[in-house]
Amino acid sequence: MDIYKIIKEPHLAEKANLVKEKYNQITLKVDKRANKIEIKSAVEKIFKKKVLDVNTINVEGKKRRMGRNIGKKIDWKKAIVTLAPGETIEFFEGM
Protein backbone atom coordinates (compact mmCIF):
# COMPACT_ATOMS: atom_id res chain seq x y z
CA MET A 1 0.00 0.00 0.00
CA ASP A 2 1.25 3.51 -0.84
CA ILE A 3 2.39 5.39 2.27
CA TYR A 4 0.59 8.55 1.14
CA LYS A 5 -2.74 6.67 1.01
CA ILE A 6 -2.37 5.20 4.50
CA ILE A 7 -2.56 8.53 6.37
CA LYS A 8 -5.68 10.45 5.36
CA GLU A 9 -5.74 13.48 7.69
CA PRO A 10 -5.08 14.57 11.25
CA HIS A 11 -7.96 14.07 13.65
CA LEU A 12 -8.57 17.46 15.23
CA ALA A 13 -10.54 17.23 18.46
CA GLU A 14 -10.25 18.64 21.95
CA LYS A 15 -9.17 15.31 23.42
CA ALA A 16 -6.59 14.84 20.65
CA ASN A 17 -5.05 18.22 21.54
CA LEU A 18 -4.88 17.32 25.24
CA VAL A 19 -3.21 13.98 24.48
CA LYS A 20 -0.76 15.71 22.15
CA GLU A 21 0.36 18.14 24.85
CA LYS A 22 0.42 15.70 27.77
CA TYR A 23 1.72 12.44 26.28
CA ASN A 24 3.38 13.57 23.00
CA GLN A 25 0.88 11.58 20.91
CA ILE A 26 -0.75 12.58 17.63
CA THR A 27 -4.11 11.34 16.39
CA LEU A 28 -4.63 10.54 12.71
CA LYS A 29 -7.41 9.25 10.49
CA VAL A 30 -5.97 6.33 8.53
CA ASP A 31 -7.05 3.82 5.90
CA LYS A 32 -9.23 1.02 7.33
CA ARG A 33 -7.03 -1.69 5.80
CA ALA A 34 -3.76 -0.34 7.25
CA ASN A 35 -2.14 -2.15 10.16
CA LYS A 36 0.09 -0.78 12.94
CA ILE A 37 3.35 -1.61 11.18
CA GLU A 38 2.31 0.17 7.97
CA ILE A 39 1.09 3.22 9.93
CA LYS A 40 4.36 3.42 11.86
CA SER A 41 6.51 3.24 8.74
CA ALA A 42 4.34 5.79 6.92
CA VAL A 43 4.61 8.33 9.76
CA GLU A 44 8.36 7.82 10.04
CA LYS A 45 8.90 8.24 6.28
CA ILE A 46 6.52 11.15 5.67
CA PHE A 47 7.25 13.27 8.76
CA LYS A 48 10.79 11.96 9.41
CA LYS A 49 10.10 11.47 13.13
CA LYS A 50 10.83 8.54 15.46
CA VAL A 51 7.67 6.59 16.46
CA LEU A 52 7.61 4.56 19.67
CA ASP A 53 4.12 3.03 19.57
CA VAL A 54 0.92 2.93 17.51
CA ASN A 55 -2.56 2.21 18.86
CA THR A 56 -5.50 1.79 16.47
CA ILE A 57 -9.25 2.12 17.00
CA ASN A 58 -12.04 1.20 14.59
CA VAL A 59 -14.64 3.96 14.96
CA GLU A 60 -18.20 3.06 14.05
CA GLY A 61 -20.15 5.68 12.11
CA LYS A 62 -23.06 7.30 13.92
CA LYS A 63 -26.62 6.72 12.84
CA ARG A 64 -28.38 9.82 11.57
CA ARG A 65 -32.00 10.47 10.79
CA MET A 66 -33.32 12.80 8.11
CA GLY A 67 -37.11 12.81 8.43
CA ARG A 68 -38.32 9.26 7.84
CA ASN A 69 -35.02 8.06 6.44
CA ILE A 70 -32.35 6.57 8.66
CA GLY A 71 -28.79 6.80 7.43
CA LYS A 72 -25.33 6.09 8.78
CA LYS A 73 -22.03 7.91 8.58
CA ILE A 74 -19.07 5.92 7.33
CA ASP A 75 -16.91 3.77 9.60
CA TRP A 76 -13.29 4.89 9.91
CA LYS A 77 -10.04 3.99 11.63
CA LYS A 78 -8.17 6.18 14.09
CA ALA A 79 -4.49 5.80 14.93
CA ILE A 80 -2.88 7.25 18.06
CA VAL A 81 0.85 7.54 17.40
CA THR A 82 3.29 7.99 20.29
CA LEU A 83 6.35 9.99 19.29
CA ALA A 84 9.81 9.77 20.85
CA PRO A 85 10.66 12.37 23.50
CA GLY A 86 11.67 15.64 21.88
CA GLU A 87 9.86 14.89 18.60
CA THR A 88 6.85 16.99 17.55
CA ILE A 89 4.66 17.28 14.47
CA GLU A 90 3.02 20.67 14.03
CA PHE A 91 -0.14 20.62 11.94
CA PHE A 92 -1.94 23.88 12.59
CA GLU A 93 0.24 25.97 14.86
CA GLY A 94 -0.56 29.67 14.71
CA MET A 95 -4.26 29.30 13.94
PDB file of N, CA and C in Angstrom:
ATOM      1  N   MET A   1       0.849  -1.184   0.000  1.00  0.00           N
ATOM      2  CA  MET A   1       0.000   0.000   0.000  1.00  0.00           C
ATOM      3  C   MET A   1       0.896   1.249   0.000  1.00  0.00           C
ATOM      4  N   ASP A   2       0.506   2.261  -0.741  1.00  0.00           N
ATOM      5  CA  ASP A   2       1.246   3.509  -0.841  1.00  0.00           C
ATOM      6  C   ASP A   2       1.208   4.245   0.495  1.00  0.00           C
ATOM      7  N   ILE A   3       2.350   4.758   0.955  1.00  0.00           N
ATOM      8  CA  ILE A   3       2.389   5.393   2.271  1.00  0.00           C
ATOM      9  C   ILE A   3       1.566   6.680   2.310  1.00  0.00           C
ATOM     10  N   TYR A   4       1.368   7.314   1.165  1.00  0.00           N
ATOM     11  CA  TYR A   4       0.585   8.547   1.139  1.00  0.00           C
ATOM     12  C   TYR A   4      -0.917   8.271   1.149  1.00  0.00           C
ATOM     13  N   LYS A   5      -1.320   7.025   0.927  1.00  0.00           N
ATOM     14  CA  LYS A   5      -2.737   6.672   1.012  1.00  0.00           C
ATOM     15  C   LYS A   5      -3.098   6.100   2.382  1.00  0.00           C
ATOM     16  N   ILE A   6      -2.099   5.755   3.175  1.00  0.00           N
ATOM     17  CA  ILE A   6      -2.367   5.204   4.502  1.00  0.00           C
ATOM     18  C   ILE A   6      -2.872   6.300   5.431  1.00  0.00           C
ATOM     19  N   ILE A   7      -2.171   7.425   5.492  1.00  0.00           N
ATOM     20  CA  ILE A   7      -2.561   8.532   6.367  1.00  0.00           C
ATOM     21  C   ILE A   7      -3.474   9.461   5.586  1.00  0.00           C
ATOM     22  N   LYS A   8      -4.712   9.615   6.062  1.00  0.00           N
ATOM     23  CA  LYS A   8      -5.676  10.454   5.363  1.00  0.00           C
ATOM     24  C   LYS A   8      -5.614  11.896   5.837  1.00  0.00           C
ATOM     25  N   GLU A   9      -5.737  12.121   7.151  1.00  0.00           N
ATOM     26  CA  GLU A   9      -5.744  13.478   7.688  1.00  0.00           C
ATOM     27  C   GLU A   9      -5.543  13.423   9.191  1.00  0.00           C
ATOM     28  N   PRO A  10      -5.147  14.548   9.790  1.00  0.00           N
ATOM     29  CA  PRO A  10      -5.076  14.574  11.250  1.00  0.00           C
ATOM     30  C   PRO A  10      -6.475  14.654  11.833  1.00  0.00           C
ATOM     31  N   HIS A  11      -6.668  14.012  12.967  1.00  0.00           N
ATOM     32  CA  HIS A  11      -7.965  14.066  13.653  1.00  0.00           C
ATOM     33  C   HIS A  11      -7.892  15.197  14.661  1.00  0.00           C
ATOM     34  N   LEU A  12      -8.616  16.272  14.392  1.00  0.00           N
ATOM     35  CA  LEU A  12      -8.566  17.456  15.234  1.00  0.00           C
ATOM     36  C   LEU A  12      -9.771  17.460  16.166  1.00  0.00           C
ATOM     37  N   ALA A  13      -9.503  17.212  17.434  1.00  0.00           N
ATOM     38  CA  ALA A  13     -10.540  17.227  18.457  1.00  0.00           C
ATOM     39  C   ALA A  13      -9.914  17.742  19.746  1.00  0.00           C
ATOM     40  N   GLU A  14     -10.757  18.104  20.688  1.00  0.00           N
ATOM     41  CA  GLU A  14     -10.254  18.640  21.947  1.00  0.00           C
ATOM     42  C   GLU A  14      -9.422  17.599  22.703  1.00  0.00           C
ATOM     43  N   LYS A  15      -9.903  16.367  22.735  1.00  0.00           N
ATOM     44  CA  LYS A  15      -9.167  15.310  23.422  1.00  0.00           C
ATOM     45  C   LYS A  15      -7.842  15.020  22.724  1.00  0.00           C
ATOM     46  N   ALA A  16      -7.828  15.080  21.403  1.00  0.00           N
ATOM     47  CA  ALA A  16      -6.592  14.845  20.653  1.00  0.00           C
ATOM     48  C   ALA A  16      -5.551  15.911  20.990  1.00  0.00           C
ATOM     49  N   ASN A  17      -5.978  17.153  21.177  1.00  0.00           N
ATOM     50  CA  ASN A  17      -5.046  18.219  21.543  1.00  0.00           C
ATOM     51  C   ASN A  17      -4.500  18.027  22.954  1.00  0.00           C
ATOM     52  N   LEU A  18      -5.335  17.572  23.876  1.00  0.00           N
ATOM     53  CA  LEU A  18      -4.876  17.321  25.245  1.00  0.00           C
ATOM     54  C   LEU A  18      -3.853  16.194  25.284  1.00  0.00           C
ATOM     55  N   VAL A  19      -4.125  15.119  24.536  1.00  0.00           N
ATOM     56  CA  VAL A  19      -3.205  13.979  24.484  1.00  0.00           C
ATOM     57  C   VAL A  19      -1.886  14.384  23.831  1.00  0.00           C
ATOM     58  N   LYS A  20      -1.959  15.245  22.843  1.00  0.00           N
ATOM     59  CA  LYS A  20      -0.755  15.711  22.154  1.00  0.00           C
ATOM     60  C   LYS A  20       0.147  16.474  23.118  1.00  0.00           C
ATOM     61  N   GLU A  21      -0.432  17.344  23.935  1.00  0.00           N
ATOM     62  CA  GLU A  21       0.361  18.145  24.854  1.00  0.00           C
ATOM     63  C   GLU A  21       0.887  17.325  26.028  1.00  0.00           C
ATOM     64  N   LYS A  22       0.059  16.420  26.550  1.00  0.00           N
ATOM     65  CA  LYS A  22       0.421  15.702  27.774  1.00  0.00           C
ATOM     66  C   LYS A  22       1.328  14.499  27.520  1.00  0.00           C
ATOM     67  N   TYR A  23       1.016  13.694  26.497  1.00  0.00           N
ATOM     68  CA  TYR A  23       1.722  12.438  26.275  1.00  0.00           C
ATOM     69  C   TYR A  23       2.559  12.403  24.996  1.00  0.00           C
ATOM     70  N   ASN A  24       2.632  13.504  24.266  1.00  0.00           N
ATOM     71  CA  ASN A  24       3.381  13.574  23.004  1.00  0.00           C
ATOM     72  C   ASN A  24       2.857  12.537  22.000  1.00  0.00           C
ATOM     73  N   GLN A  25       1.527  12.488  21.857  1.00  0.00           N
ATOM     74  CA  GLN A  25       0.883  11.583  20.911  1.00  0.00           C
ATOM     75  C   GLN A  25       0.089  12.404  19.900  1.00  0.00           C
ATOM     76  N   ILE A  26       0.075  11.936  18.651  1.00  0.00           N
ATOM     77  CA  ILE A  26      -0.749  12.579  17.632  1.00  0.00           C
ATOM     78  C   ILE A  26      -1.839  11.606  17.208  1.00  0.00           C
ATOM     79  N   THR A  27      -2.965  12.155  16.792  1.00  0.00           N
ATOM     80  CA  THR A  27      -4.109  11.344  16.386  1.00  0.00           C
ATOM     81  C   THR A  27      -4.361  11.571  14.903  1.00  0.00           C
ATOM     82  N   LEU A  28      -4.468  10.472  14.157  1.00  0.00           N
ATOM     83  CA  LEU A  28      -4.627  10.542  12.707  1.00  0.00           C
ATOM     84  C   LEU A  28      -5.796   9.681  12.253  1.00  0.00           C
ATOM     85  N   LYS A  29      -6.461  10.112  11.182  1.00  0.00           N
ATOM     86  CA  LYS A  29      -7.415   9.250  10.486  1.00  0.00           C
ATOM     87  C   LYS A  29      -6.617   8.497   9.435  1.00  0.00           C
ATOM     88  N   VAL A  30      -6.764   7.168   9.434  1.00  0.00           N
ATOM     89  CA  VAL A  30      -5.974   6.334   8.531  1.00  0.00           C
ATOM     90  C   VAL A  30      -6.895   5.422   7.730  1.00  0.00           C
ATOM     91  N   ASP A  31      -6.316   4.772   6.720  1.00  0.00           N
ATOM     92  CA  ASP A  31      -7.054   3.818   5.898  1.00  0.00           C
ATOM     93  C   ASP A  31      -7.473   2.625   6.750  1.00  0.00           C
ATOM     94  N   LYS A  32      -8.694   2.119   6.517  1.00  0.00           N
ATOM     95  CA  LYS A  32      -9.231   1.023   7.328  1.00  0.00           C
ATOM     96  C   LYS A  32      -8.437  -0.268   7.177  1.00  0.00           C
ATOM     97  N   ARG A  33      -7.766  -0.447   6.041  1.00  0.00           N
ATOM     98  CA  ARG A  33      -7.027  -1.687   5.799  1.00  0.00           C
ATOM     99  C   ARG A  33      -5.604  -1.650   6.337  1.00  0.00           C
ATOM    100  N   ALA A  34      -5.136  -0.489   6.789  1.00  0.00           N
ATOM    101  CA  ALA A  34      -3.756  -0.343   7.252  1.00  0.00           C
ATOM    102  C   ALA A  34      -3.583  -0.969   8.633  1.00  0.00           C
ATOM    103  N   ASN A  35      -2.426  -1.609   8.845  1.00  0.00           N
ATOM    104  CA  ASN A  35      -2.137  -2.153  10.164  1.00  0.00           C
ATOM    105  C   ASN A  35      -1.121  -1.255  10.873  1.00  0.00           C
ATOM    106  N   LYS A  36      -0.780  -1.623  12.117  1.00  0.00           N
ATOM    107  CA  LYS A  36       0.086  -0.778  12.937  1.00  0.00           C
ATOM    108  C   LYS A  36       1.481  -0.616  12.344  1.00  0.00           C
ATOM    109  N   ILE A  37       2.005  -1.664  11.751  1.00  0.00           N
ATOM    110  CA  ILE A  37       3.351  -1.609  11.182  1.00  0.00           C
ATOM    111  C   ILE A  37       3.388  -0.657   9.983  1.00  0.00           C
ATOM    112  N   GLU A  38       2.381  -0.724   9.127  1.00  0.00           N
ATOM    113  CA  GLU A  38       2.313   0.170   7.970  1.00  0.00           C
ATOM    114  C   GLU A  38       2.133   1.621   8.406  1.00  0.00           C
ATOM    115  N   ILE A  39       1.309   1.852   9.432  1.00  0.00           N
ATOM    116  CA  ILE A  39       1.087   3.218   9.927  1.00  0.00           C
ATOM    117  C   ILE A  39       2.382   3.782  10.501  1.00  0.00           C
ATOM    118  N   LYS A  40       3.102   2.979  11.262  1.00  0.00           N
ATOM    119  CA  LYS A  40       4.364   3.424  11.862  1.00  0.00           C
ATOM    120  C   LYS A  40       5.385   3.795  10.790  1.00  0.00           C
ATOM    121  N   SER A  41       5.533   2.946   9.787  1.00  0.00           N
ATOM    122  CA  SER A  41       6.510   3.235   8.738  1.00  0.00           C
ATOM    123  C   SER A  41       6.099   4.456   7.911  1.00  0.00           C
ATOM    124  N   ALA A  42       4.803   4.631   7.687  1.00  0.00           N
ATOM    125  CA  ALA A  42       4.336   5.787   6.920  1.00  0.00           C
ATOM    126  C   ALA A  42       4.613   7.089   7.665  1.00  0.00           C
ATOM    127  N   VAL A  43       4.347   7.118   8.971  1.00  0.00           N
ATOM    128  CA  VAL A  43       4.607   8.332   9.758  1.00  0.00           C
ATOM    129  C   VAL A  43       6.100   8.632   9.799  1.00  0.00           C
ATOM    130  N   GLU A  44       6.920   7.607   9.975  1.00  0.00           N
ATOM    131  CA  GLU A  44       8.363   7.823  10.039  1.00  0.00           C
ATOM    132  C   GLU A  44       8.922   8.321   8.711  1.00  0.00           C
ATOM    133  N   LYS A  45       8.391   7.826   7.584  1.00  0.00           N
ATOM    134  CA  LYS A  45       8.902   8.242   6.276  1.00  0.00           C
ATOM    135  C   LYS A  45       8.375   9.611   5.858  1.00  0.00           C
ATOM    136  N   ILE A  46       7.099   9.881   6.117  1.00  0.00           N
ATOM    137  CA  ILE A  46       6.517  11.153   5.671  1.00  0.00           C
ATOM    138  C   ILE A  46       6.998  12.315   6.533  1.00  0.00           C
ATOM    139  N   PHE A  47       6.918  12.167   7.857  1.00  0.00           N
ATOM    140  CA  PHE A  47       7.247  13.272   8.762  1.00  0.00           C
ATOM    141  C   PHE A  47       8.693  13.229   9.250  1.00  0.00           C
ATOM    142  N   LYS A  48       9.404  12.131   8.981  1.00  0.00           N
ATOM    143  CA  LYS A  48      10.791  11.962   9.409  1.00  0.00           C
ATOM    144  C   LYS A  48      10.937  12.147  10.914  1.00  0.00           C
ATOM    145  N   LYS A  49      10.077  11.447  11.668  1.00  0.00           N
ATOM    146  CA  LYS A  49      10.097  11.473  13.130  1.00  0.00           C
ATOM    147  C   LYS A  49      10.172  10.049  13.650  1.00  0.00           C
ATOM    148  N   LYS A  50      10.714   9.853  14.844  1.00  0.00           N
ATOM    149  CA  LYS A  50      10.831   8.537  15.463  1.00  0.00           C
ATOM    150  C   LYS A  50       9.529   8.212  16.187  1.00  0.00           C
ATOM    151  N   VAL A  51       8.933   7.042  15.867  1.00  0.00           N
ATOM    152  CA  VAL A  51       7.673   6.593  16.462  1.00  0.00           C
ATOM    153  C   VAL A  51       7.964   5.471  17.443  1.00  0.00           C
ATOM    154  N   LEU A  52       7.423   5.597  18.661  1.00  0.00           N
ATOM    155  CA  LEU A  52       7.605   4.558  19.673  1.00  0.00           C
ATOM    156  C   LEU A  52       6.505   3.513  19.634  1.00  0.00           C
ATOM    157  N   ASP A  53       5.250   3.951  19.473  1.00  0.00           N
ATOM    158  CA  ASP A  53       4.120   3.027  19.570  1.00  0.00           C
ATOM    159  C   ASP A  53       2.957   3.537  18.727  1.00  0.00           C
ATOM    160  N   VAL A  54       2.123   2.595  18.278  1.00  0.00           N
ATOM    161  CA  VAL A  54       0.920   2.928  17.511  1.00  0.00           C
ATOM    162  C   VAL A  54      -0.254   2.145  18.100  1.00  0.00           C
ATOM    163  N   ASN A  55      -1.318   2.840  18.435  1.00  0.00           N
ATOM    164  CA  ASN A  55      -2.562   2.212  18.860  1.00  0.00           C
ATOM    165  C   ASN A  55      -3.633   2.544  17.827  1.00  0.00           C
ATOM    166  N   THR A  56      -4.460   1.559  17.469  1.00  0.00           N
ATOM    167  CA  THR A  56      -5.500   1.788  16.474  1.00  0.00           C
ATOM    168  C   THR A  56      -6.874   1.517  17.065  1.00  0.00           C
ATOM    169  N   ILE A  57      -7.868   2.250  16.555  1.00  0.00           N
ATOM    170  CA  ILE A  57      -9.250   2.122  17.005  1.00  0.00           C
ATOM    171  C   ILE A  57     -10.140   2.147  15.769  1.00  0.00           C
ATOM    172  N   ASN A  58     -11.027   1.171  15.639  1.00  0.00           N
ATOM    173  CA  ASN A  58     -12.039   1.202  14.589  1.00  0.00           C
ATOM    174  C   ASN A  58     -13.242   1.958  15.124  1.00  0.00           C
ATOM    175  N   VAL A  59     -13.548   3.100  14.508  1.00  0.00           N
ATOM    176  CA  VAL A  59     -14.638   3.959  14.957  1.00  0.00           C
ATOM    177  C   VAL A  59     -15.859   3.668  14.101  1.00  0.00           C
ATOM    178  N   GLU A  60     -16.958   3.340  14.759  1.00  0.00           N
ATOM    179  CA  GLU A  60     -18.196   3.061  14.046  1.00  0.00           C
ATOM    180  C   GLU A  60     -18.902   4.368  13.720  1.00  0.00           C
ATOM    181  N   GLY A  61     -19.436   4.481  12.507  1.00  0.00           N
ATOM    182  CA  GLY A  61     -20.150   5.682  12.106  1.00  0.00           C
ATOM    183  C   GLY A  61     -21.467   5.821  12.852  1.00  0.00           C
ATOM    184  N   LYS A  62     -21.821   7.061  13.168  1.00  0.00           N
ATOM    185  CA  LYS A  62     -23.057   7.300  13.919  1.00  0.00           C
ATOM    186  C   LYS A  62     -24.271   7.184  13.004  1.00  0.00           C
ATOM    187  N   LYS A  63     -25.377   6.774  13.589  1.00  0.00           N
ATOM    188  CA  LYS A  63     -26.624   6.716  12.844  1.00  0.00           C
ATOM    189  C   LYS A  63     -27.278   8.089  12.874  1.00  0.00           C
ATOM    190  N   ARG A  64     -27.757   8.507  11.721  1.00  0.00           N
ATOM    191  CA  ARG A  64     -28.383   9.819  11.574  1.00  0.00           C
ATOM    192  C   ARG A  64     -29.759   9.640  10.954  1.00  0.00           C
ATOM    193  N   ARG A  65     -30.640  10.552  11.300  1.00  0.00           N
ATOM    194  CA  ARG A  65     -31.998  10.472  10.788  1.00  0.00           C
ATOM    195  C   ARG A  65     -32.337  11.777  10.085  1.00  0.00           C
ATOM    196  N   MET A  66     -32.877  11.650   8.884  1.00  0.00           N
ATOM    197  CA  MET A  66     -33.318  12.804   8.106  1.00  0.00           C
ATOM    198  C   MET A  66     -34.788  12.572   7.776  1.00  0.00           C
ATOM    199  N   GLY A  67     -35.685  13.054   8.619  1.00  0.00           N
ATOM    200  CA  GLY A  67     -37.113  12.807   8.431  1.00  0.00           C
ATOM    201  C   GLY A  67     -37.428  11.350   8.690  1.00  0.00           C
ATOM    202  N   ARG A  68     -37.997  10.684   7.694  1.00  0.00           N
ATOM    203  CA  ARG A  68     -38.321   9.262   7.837  1.00  0.00           C
ATOM    204  C   ARG A  68     -37.134   8.355   7.550  1.00  0.00           C
ATOM    205  N   ASN A  69     -36.158   8.876   6.866  1.00  0.00           N
ATOM    206  CA  ASN A  69     -35.019   8.061   6.438  1.00  0.00           C
ATOM    207  C   ASN A  69     -33.950   7.972   7.526  1.00  0.00           C
ATOM    208  N   ILE A  70     -33.435   6.776   7.714  1.00  0.00           N
ATOM    209  CA  ILE A  70     -32.347   6.573   8.660  1.00  0.00           C
ATOM    210  C   ILE A  70     -31.096   6.256   7.863  1.00  0.00           C
ATOM    211  N   GLY A  71     -30.055   7.011   8.129  1.00  0.00           N
ATOM    212  CA  GLY A  71     -28.790   6.803   7.431  1.00  0.00           C
ATOM    213  C   GLY A  71     -27.684   6.535   8.433  1.00  0.00           C
ATOM    214  N   LYS A  72     -26.475   6.386   7.921  1.00  0.00           N
ATOM    215  CA  LYS A  72     -25.333   6.089   8.780  1.00  0.00           C
ATOM    216  C   LYS A  72     -24.103   6.742   8.183  1.00  0.00           C
ATOM    217  N   LYS A  73     -23.305   7.371   9.035  1.00  0.00           N
ATOM    218  CA  LYS A  73     -22.031   7.908   8.582  1.00  0.00           C
ATOM    219  C   LYS A  73     -21.054   6.758   8.387  1.00  0.00           C
ATOM    220  N   ILE A  74     -19.998   7.001   7.659  1.00  0.00           N
ATOM    221  CA  ILE A  74     -19.069   5.921   7.329  1.00  0.00           C
ATOM    222  C   ILE A  74     -18.231   5.530   8.546  1.00  0.00           C
ATOM    223  N   ASP A  75     -17.820   4.259   8.585  1.00  0.00           N
ATOM    224  CA  ASP A  75     -16.909   3.773   9.601  1.00  0.00           C
ATOM    225  C   ASP A  75     -15.491   4.196   9.206  1.00  0.00           C
ATOM    226  N   TRP A  76     -14.643   4.481  10.197  1.00  0.00           N
ATOM    227  CA  TRP A  76     -13.288   4.894   9.911  1.00  0.00           C
ATOM    228  C   TRP A  76     -12.345   4.386  10.984  1.00  0.00           C
ATOM    229  N   LYS A  77     -11.057   4.494  10.717  1.00  0.00           N
ATOM    230  CA  LYS A  77     -10.038   3.993  11.629  1.00  0.00           C
ATOM    231  C   LYS A  77      -9.196   5.151  12.142  1.00  0.00           C
ATOM    232  N   LYS A  78      -8.954   5.142  13.447  1.00  0.00           N
ATOM    233  CA  LYS A  78      -8.172   6.184  14.091  1.00  0.00           C
ATOM    234  C   LYS A  78      -6.890   5.568  14.624  1.00  0.00           C
ATOM    235  N   ALA A  79      -5.779   6.259  14.432  1.00  0.00           N
ATOM    236  CA  ALA A  79      -4.490   5.799  14.935  1.00  0.00           C
ATOM    237  C   ALA A  79      -3.936   6.847  15.893  1.00  0.00           C
ATOM    238  N   ILE A  80      -3.530   6.390  17.086  1.00  0.00           N
ATOM    239  CA  ILE A  80      -2.885   7.255  18.061  1.00  0.00           C
ATOM    240  C   ILE A  80      -1.412   6.871  18.066  1.00  0.00           C
ATOM    241  N   VAL A  81      -0.572   7.797  17.613  1.00  0.00           N
ATOM    242  CA  VAL A  81       0.850   7.536  17.404  1.00  0.00           C
ATOM    243  C   VAL A  81       1.643   8.226  18.509  1.00  0.00           C
ATOM    244  N   THR A  82       2.437   7.447  19.253  1.00  0.00           N
ATOM    245  CA  THR A  82       3.294   7.987  20.294  1.00  0.00           C
ATOM    246  C   THR A  82       4.661   8.285  19.697  1.00  0.00           C
ATOM    247  N   LEU A  83       5.065   9.551  19.825  1.00  0.00           N
ATOM    248  CA  LEU A  83       6.347   9.988  19.290  1.00  0.00           C
ATOM    249  C   LEU A  83       7.430   9.894  20.359  1.00  0.00           C
ATOM    250  N   ALA A  84       8.673   9.811  19.925  1.00  0.00           N
ATOM    251  CA  ALA A  84       9.805   9.771  20.849  1.00  0.00           C
ATOM    252  C   ALA A  84       9.914  11.109  21.577  1.00  0.00           C
ATOM    253  N   PRO A  85      10.494  11.093  22.768  1.00  0.00           N
ATOM    254  CA  PRO A  85      10.662  12.371  23.500  1.00  0.00           C
ATOM    255  C   PRO A  85      11.477  13.368  22.685  1.00  0.00           C
ATOM    256  N   GLY A  86      11.006  14.593  22.647  1.00  0.00           N
ATOM    257  CA  GLY A  86      11.668  15.640  21.881  1.00  0.00           C
ATOM    258  C   GLY A  86      11.163  15.788  20.458  1.00  0.00           C
ATOM    259  N   GLU A  87      10.404  14.829  19.957  1.00  0.00           N
ATOM    260  CA  GLU A  87       9.858  14.887  18.596  1.00  0.00           C
ATOM    261  C   GLU A  87       8.470  15.531  18.627  1.00  0.00           C
ATOM    262  N   THR A  88       8.188  16.387  17.676  1.00  0.00           N
ATOM    263  CA  THR A  88       6.852  16.987  17.554  1.00  0.00           C
ATOM    264  C   THR A  88       6.491  17.088  16.082  1.00  0.00           C
ATOM    265  N   ILE A  89       5.186  17.048  15.816  1.00  0.00           N
ATOM    266  CA  ILE A  89       4.660  17.278  14.466  1.00  0.00           C
ATOM    267  C   ILE A  89       3.647  18.401  14.605  1.00  0.00           C
ATOM    268  N   GLU A  90       3.894  19.496  13.925  1.00  0.00           N
ATOM    269  CA  GLU A  90       3.025  20.671  14.026  1.00  0.00           C
ATOM    270  C   GLU A  90       2.110  20.728  12.816  1.00  0.00           C
ATOM    271  N   PHE A  91       0.808  20.557  13.032  1.00  0.00           N
ATOM    272  CA  PHE A  91      -0.143  20.615  11.938  1.00  0.00           C
ATOM    273  C   PHE A  91      -0.680  22.015  11.722  1.00  0.00           C
ATOM    274  N   PHE A  92      -1.294  22.575  12.744  1.00  0.00           N
ATOM    275  CA  PHE A  92      -1.945  23.878  12.592  1.00  0.00           C
ATOM    276  C   PHE A  92      -1.523  24.818  13.714  1.00  0.00           C
ATOM    277  N   GLU A  93      -0.251  25.030  13.858  1.00  0.00           N
ATOM    278  CA  GLU A  93       0.241  25.972  14.859  1.00  0.00           C
ATOM    279  C   GLU A  93       0.087  27.387  14.305  1.00  0.00           C
ATOM    280  N   GLY A  94      -0.380  28.297  15.131  1.00  0.00           N
ATOM    281  CA  GLY A  94      -0.559  29.667  14.711  1.00  0.00           C
ATOM    282  C   GLY A  94      -1.954  29.981  14.240  1.00  0.00           C
ATOM    283  N   MET A  95      -2.879  29.026  14.325  1.00  0.00           N
ATOM    284  CA  MET A  95      -4.264  29.304  13.939  1.00  0.00           C
ATOM    285  C   MET A  95      -5.016  29.814  15.132  1.00  0.00           C
TER     286      MET A  95
END
